[in-house]
Amino acid sequence: MSIRLEALPELEERWAQLEELAADDDIELGIADYGGLRTAADTAEIIGFKNADYAAYAAAARAAGRVPVPITGPWDNGNARPIAPYGRSYHNYGAGRDFTIVSHPAWLSLGDAIARVQELAESVGLRSGRAFDDDYHLELPISLEEAAAAWAQYSSSHGSTTTTTVVLVGLALTVGAITVLRYVSALPFSSRTVR
């Protein structure tokens, strides 16, 4: 699991507000794997995972005598969530985040919990990805060009060309009621590669 936690301060502020409001509804939020800041290498890795998944699906479909559903466009990965090429995602500029629902009340379906988080996100000034079929995506309501400029300014005002960013690597083992998570410390990366 890899999560880069660095983000534009405005996104961090709105995320904190969202977490509070969701908690008031007994919904606990998390950040999805690769759901935070994405470097070019992260994006390539995610697209590689999606392509490998599609290749396995296509091979299984052909083996069963079926014609696989083709990938129809640059963002379309079959029925999976869209992955924007590097430089075309708010994640590349610390202005987008994908959430997960860690827990929600038993009386509330997962779909209803997602819809509620989307409503709450919009109430704190975040744009939801539901308009473009990416239900778990949230972003600042600015243009991609504005996000890139804000990230460039943020990166240049926070030190040298190398920024230390937390990368969360987790191994979850559940033994009875005990869950153990192992975290690996910060990894450096060049903020110059994140445009």
Protein backbone atom coordinates (compact mmCIF):
# COMPACT_ATOMS: atom_id res chain seq x y z
CA MET A 1 0.00 0.00 0.00
CA SER A 2 1.39 3.39 -0.93
CA ILE A 3 -0.03 6.73 0.11
CA ARG A 4 1.80 10.02 -0.29
CA LEU A 5 0.22 12.31 2.26
CA GLU A 6 1.58 15.65 1.05
CA ALA A 7 -1.09 17.97 -0.35
CA LEU A 8 -1.86 21.62 -0.89
CA PRO A 9 -2.80 23.27 2.44
CA GLU A 10 -6.28 24.15 1.14
CA LEU A 11 -6.97 20.48 0.42
CA GLU A 12 -5.69 19.51 3.88
CA GLU A 13 -8.00 22.06 5.53
CA ARG A 14 -11.05 20.90 3.62
CA TRP A 15 -10.17 17.23 4.19
CA ALA A 16 -10.02 17.86 7.96
CA GLN A 17 -13.45 19.52 7.82
CA LEU A 18 -14.80 16.59 5.82
CA GLU A 19 -13.42 14.04 8.29
CA GLU A 20 -15.13 15.90 11.15
CA LEU A 21 -18.48 16.05 9.39
CA ALA A 22 -18.28 12.40 8.35
CA ALA A 23 -17.41 11.41 11.93
CA ASP A 24 -20.56 13.23 13.08
CA ASP A 25 -22.44 10.74 10.86
CA ASP A 26 -20.37 7.82 12.26
CA ILE A 27 -18.50 7.45 8.95
CA GLU A 28 -14.75 6.97 9.23
CA LEU A 29 -12.73 8.01 6.19
CA GLY A 30 -9.35 6.85 4.95
CA ILE A 31 -7.17 7.70 1.99
CA ALA A 32 -7.17 5.07 -0.74
CA ASP A 33 -4.04 3.28 -1.88
CA TYR A 34 -2.35 5.73 -4.31
CA GLY A 35 -5.18 8.13 -3.41
CA GLY A 36 -2.99 11.03 -2.37
CA LEU A 37 -0.18 12.78 -4.20
CA ARG A 38 0.95 10.85 -7.28
CA THR A 39 4.33 11.14 -8.92
CA ALA A 40 5.00 10.13 -12.53
CA ALA A 41 6.34 6.80 -11.25
CA ASP A 42 3.20 6.23 -9.14
CA THR A 43 0.97 6.96 -12.12
CA ALA A 44 2.93 4.59 -14.35
CA GLU A 45 2.72 1.89 -11.68
CA ILE A 46 -1.05 2.28 -11.29
CA ILE A 47 -1.62 2.18 -15.03
CA GLY A 48 0.62 -0.91 -15.17
CA PHE A 49 -1.57 -2.59 -12.54
CA LYS A 50 -4.71 -1.71 -14.51
CA ASN A 51 -3.20 -2.96 -17.77
CA ALA A 52 -2.10 -6.21 -16.14
CA ASP A 53 -5.60 -6.68 -14.71
CA TYR A 54 -7.10 -6.05 -18.13
CA ALA A 55 -4.65 -8.44 -19.80
CA ALA A 56 -5.59 -11.18 -17.31
CA TYR A 57 -9.29 -10.51 -17.90
CA ALA A 58 -8.85 -10.55 -21.71
CA ALA A 59 -6.88 -13.82 -21.58
CA ALA A 60 -9.56 -15.45 -19.39
CA ALA A 61 -12.33 -14.20 -21.68
CA ARG A 62 -10.56 -15.56 -24.77
CA ALA A 63 -9.90 -18.90 -23.03
CA ALA A 64 -13.63 -19.13 -22.29
CA GLY A 65 -14.44 -18.41 -25.95
CA ARG A 66 -15.68 -14.86 -25.31
CA VAL A 67 -14.58 -11.61 -26.92
CA PRO A 68 -13.17 -9.30 -24.23
CA VAL A 69 -14.65 -5.83 -23.85
CA PRO A 70 -12.04 -3.51 -25.37
CA ILE A 71 -10.43 -0.57 -23.62
CA THR A 72 -12.03 2.28 -25.55
CA GLY A 73 -10.11 5.41 -24.59
CA PRO A 74 -7.00 6.77 -22.91
CA TRP A 75 -8.68 7.05 -19.50
CA ASP A 76 -10.91 4.00 -19.79
CA ASN A 77 -9.63 0.86 -18.13
CA GLY A 78 -12.60 -1.38 -18.78
CA ASN A 79 -15.12 -1.03 -15.97
CA ALA A 80 -12.46 0.12 -13.51
CA ARG A 81 -12.01 3.63 -12.15
CA PRO A 82 -10.36 6.04 -14.57
CA ILE A 83 -6.65 6.73 -14.18
CA ALA A 84 -5.50 9.99 -15.73
CA PRO A 85 -2.14 10.08 -17.47
CA TYR A 86 0.58 11.86 -15.49
CA GLY A 87 0.15 15.63 -15.62
CA ARG A 88 -3.61 15.40 -16.20
CA SER A 89 -4.65 14.52 -12.66
CA TYR A 90 -5.28 16.70 -9.64
CA HIS A 91 -3.39 14.03 -7.68
CA ASN A 92 -0.19 15.08 -9.46
CA TYR A 93 -0.45 18.54 -7.89
CA GLY A 94 -1.58 17.77 -4.33
CA ALA A 95 -5.08 18.98 -5.18
CA GLY A 96 -6.93 15.65 -5.37
CA ARG A 97 -7.58 12.77 -3.03
CA ASP A 98 -9.36 9.43 -3.25
CA PHE A 99 -11.17 8.37 -0.10
CA THR A 100 -12.16 5.03 1.33
CA ILE A 101 -14.91 4.27 3.79
CA VAL A 102 -13.16 2.63 6.75
CA SER A 103 -16.40 2.16 8.67
CA HIS A 104 -20.01 3.31 8.59
CA PRO A 105 -23.17 2.60 10.58
CA ALA A 106 -24.64 -0.86 9.95
CA TRP A 107 -27.96 0.67 8.92
CA LEU A 108 -26.28 2.67 6.14
CA SER A 109 -25.29 0.84 2.95
CA LEU A 110 -21.83 1.41 1.51
CA GLY A 111 -23.40 3.16 -1.49
CA ASP A 112 -25.33 5.49 0.79
CA ALA A 113 -22.19 6.17 2.86
CA ILE A 114 -20.29 7.10 -0.33
CA ALA A 115 -23.14 9.39 -1.41
CA ARG A 116 -23.17 11.02 2.02
CA VAL A 117 -19.40 11.64 1.90
CA GLN A 118 -19.82 13.20 -1.55
CA GLU A 119 -22.52 15.54 -0.19
CA LEU A 120 -20.38 16.46 2.80
CA ALA A 121 -17.33 17.02 0.57
CA GLU A 122 -19.29 19.42 -1.59
CA SER A 123 -20.53 21.24 1.53
CA VAL A 124 -16.90 22.00 2.54
CA GLY A 125 -16.01 23.19 -0.95
CA LEU A 126 -14.53 20.09 -2.55
CA ARG A 127 -15.55 18.88 -5.99
CA SER A 128 -16.74 15.28 -6.11
CA GLY A 129 -15.74 12.90 -8.89
CA ARG A 130 -19.26 11.48 -9.13
CA ALA A 131 -19.96 13.78 -12.08
CA PHE A 132 -17.33 11.89 -14.10
CA ASP A 133 -17.90 8.39 -12.68
CA ASP A 134 -15.11 8.42 -10.11
CA ASP A 135 -17.17 8.18 -6.93
CA TYR A 136 -14.22 8.05 -4.52
CA HIS A 137 -12.39 11.07 -5.97
CA LEU A 138 -12.42 14.55 -4.41
CA GLU A 139 -10.54 17.64 -5.61
CA LEU A 140 -10.21 21.34 -5.06
CA PRO A 141 -12.65 23.30 -7.24
CA ILE A 142 -9.94 24.88 -9.38
CA SER A 143 -8.67 24.24 -12.89
CA LEU A 144 -5.87 21.77 -13.49
CA GLU A 145 -3.66 24.69 -14.56
CA GLU A 146 -4.40 26.49 -11.28
CA ALA A 147 -3.60 23.28 -9.37
CA ALA A 148 -0.26 22.97 -11.21
CA ALA A 149 0.63 26.59 -10.46
CA ALA A 150 -0.37 26.27 -6.79
CA TRP A 151 1.70 23.08 -6.48
CA ALA A 152 4.74 24.73 -8.08
CA GLN A 153 4.46 27.64 -5.64
CA TYR A 154 3.90 25.32 -2.66
CA SER A 155 6.83 23.08 -3.63
CA SER A 156 9.22 25.98 -4.13
CA SER A 157 8.31 27.54 -0.78
CA HIS A 158 8.83 24.31 1.16
CA GLY A 159 12.54 23.76 0.81
CA SER A 160 14.86 22.41 -1.82
CA THR A 161 14.14 20.32 -4.88
CA THR A 162 13.82 17.24 -2.70
CA THR A 163 10.80 16.96 -0.47
CA THR A 164 10.41 14.21 2.07
CA THR A 165 7.00 12.69 1.78
CA VAL A 166 5.49 10.03 3.96
CA VAL A 167 4.85 6.82 2.12
CA LEU A 168 2.63 4.51 4.06
CA VAL A 169 3.37 0.88 3.51
CA GLY A 170 1.08 -1.33 5.48
CA LEU A 171 0.89 -4.97 6.19
CA ALA A 172 -2.34 -5.67 8.01
CA LEU A 173 -2.61 -8.89 9.95
CA THR A 174 -5.73 -9.57 11.90
CA VAL A 175 -5.42 -12.01 14.77
CA GLY A 176 -8.63 -12.12 16.74
CA ALA A 177 -9.41 -8.49 17.50
CA ILE A 178 -5.82 -7.29 17.07
CA THR A 179 -4.78 -5.62 13.83
CA VAL A 180 -1.08 -4.99 13.35
CA LEU A 181 0.09 -2.38 10.85
CA ARG A 182 3.69 -1.91 9.85
CA TYR A 183 4.66 1.53 8.60
CA VAL A 184 7.77 2.29 6.65
CA SER A 185 9.17 5.74 7.14
CA ALA A 186 9.53 8.62 4.73
CA LEU A 187 10.91 8.24 1.22
CA PRO A 188 12.44 11.21 -0.58
CA PHE A 189 11.35 12.15 -4.07
CA SER A 190 12.08 15.11 -6.30
CA SER A 191 9.31 17.69 -6.23
CA ARG A 192 10.59 18.79 -9.64
CA THR A 193 9.17 15.57 -11.12
CA VAL A 194 5.71 16.47 -9.80
CA ARG A 195 4.55 19.19 -12.12
